[in-house]
Protein backbone atom coordinates (compact mmCIF):
# COMPACT_ATOMS: atom_id res chain seq x y z
CA MET A 1 0.66 -0.20 1.13
CA GLU A 2 -1.66 -2.20 3.33
CA THR A 3 -3.80 -0.48 5.94
CA GLN A 4 -6.06 -1.69 8.68
CA ILE A 5 -8.68 0.54 10.23
CA ARG A 6 -8.63 0.43 14.02
CA ILE A 7 -10.94 2.39 16.28
CA TRP A 8 -9.70 3.32 19.75
CA ARG A 9 -11.68 4.55 22.75
CA VAL A 10 -9.87 7.33 24.60
CA GLU A 11 -10.56 7.93 28.28
CA PRO A 12 -8.86 11.08 29.63
CA THR A 13 -8.11 10.43 33.31
CA CYS A 14 -6.67 12.74 35.94
CA GLN A 15 -4.24 11.59 38.64
CA THR A 16 -6.93 12.36 41.22
CA GLY A 17 -9.28 9.86 39.57
CA ALA A 18 -11.55 12.27 37.74
CA GLN A 19 -12.48 11.33 34.18
CA ALA A 20 -13.43 13.48 31.23
CA PRO A 21 -15.94 12.21 28.64
CA ALA A 22 -14.59 9.43 26.45
CA TYR A 23 -14.26 9.80 22.71
CA PHE A 24 -13.10 7.72 19.73
CA VAL A 25 -10.13 8.06 17.39
CA GLN A 26 -9.37 6.09 14.25
CA THR A 27 -6.01 4.87 12.87
CA THR A 28 -5.05 3.18 9.61
CA GLU A 29 -1.56 1.74 10.25
CA LYS A 30 -0.98 -1.96 9.63
CA ASP A 31 1.34 -2.48 12.61
CA ARG A 32 -0.49 -2.40 15.96
CA SER A 33 2.29 -0.69 17.91
CA LYS A 34 2.53 2.10 15.34
CA ALA A 35 -1.26 2.38 15.34
CA GLU A 36 -1.29 2.78 19.12
CA VAL A 37 1.31 5.56 18.96
CA SER A 38 -0.66 7.28 16.21
CA ALA A 39 -3.89 6.96 18.22
CA LEU A 40 -2.23 8.54 21.25
CA LYS A 41 -0.96 11.46 19.15
CA SER A 42 -4.37 12.10 17.60
CA ALA A 43 -6.06 11.77 21.02
CA GLN A 44 -3.73 14.40 22.44
CA GLN A 45 -4.41 16.70 19.48
CA LYS A 46 -8.17 16.40 19.96
CA SER A 47 -8.14 17.33 23.64
CA ARG A 48 -6.83 20.42 25.40
CA LEU A 49 -6.27 18.32 28.52
CA SER A 50 -2.98 17.16 27.02
CA ASN A 51 -1.54 20.57 27.97
CA PHE A 52 -1.70 19.59 31.65
CA ASN A 53 0.82 17.16 33.16
CA ASN A 54 -1.63 15.48 35.54
CA TRP A 55 -3.92 14.13 32.76
CA GLU A 56 -3.24 10.86 30.95
CA PHE A 57 -5.03 9.18 28.06
CA ILE A 58 -6.04 5.53 28.37
CA LEU A 59 -6.47 3.84 24.98
CA THR A 60 -8.67 0.79 24.46
CA ARG A 61 -9.01 -0.93 21.10
CA MET A 62 -12.68 -1.47 20.30
CA ASN A 63 -14.48 -3.99 18.09
CA VAL A 64 -16.75 -1.42 16.49
CA ARG A 65 -17.27 -0.19 12.95
CA LEU A 66 -18.74 2.97 11.48
CA ASP A 67 -22.15 2.63 9.85
CA LYS A 68 -23.37 4.82 7.02
CA PHE A 69 -24.79 7.37 9.48
CA GLY A 70 -21.46 7.87 11.29
CA ARG A 71 -22.41 5.87 14.39
CA TYR A 72 -20.19 3.24 15.99
CA ILE A 73 -21.82 -0.21 16.05
CA LYS A 74 -20.49 -3.45 17.51
CA HIS A 75 -18.65 -5.60 15.02
CA HIS A 76 -18.95 -9.34 15.63
CA GLN A 77 -16.56 -11.59 13.79
């Protein structure tokens, strides 16, 4: 089975405009639509804000990779 590592930036945003700190999630599905659904599920599992109806999670696919120290660095290709 083929996999493709995608890293997503998650921005929790309230309906009033307030934002919580952004964080990253990683998916390994080959299909982009399935990867986006998987990223949303893992983002909701990581944050307790998903328990409230007025918070939504904005996903942005990033061009970053993990280095050997666990940091996200820009990937140019």
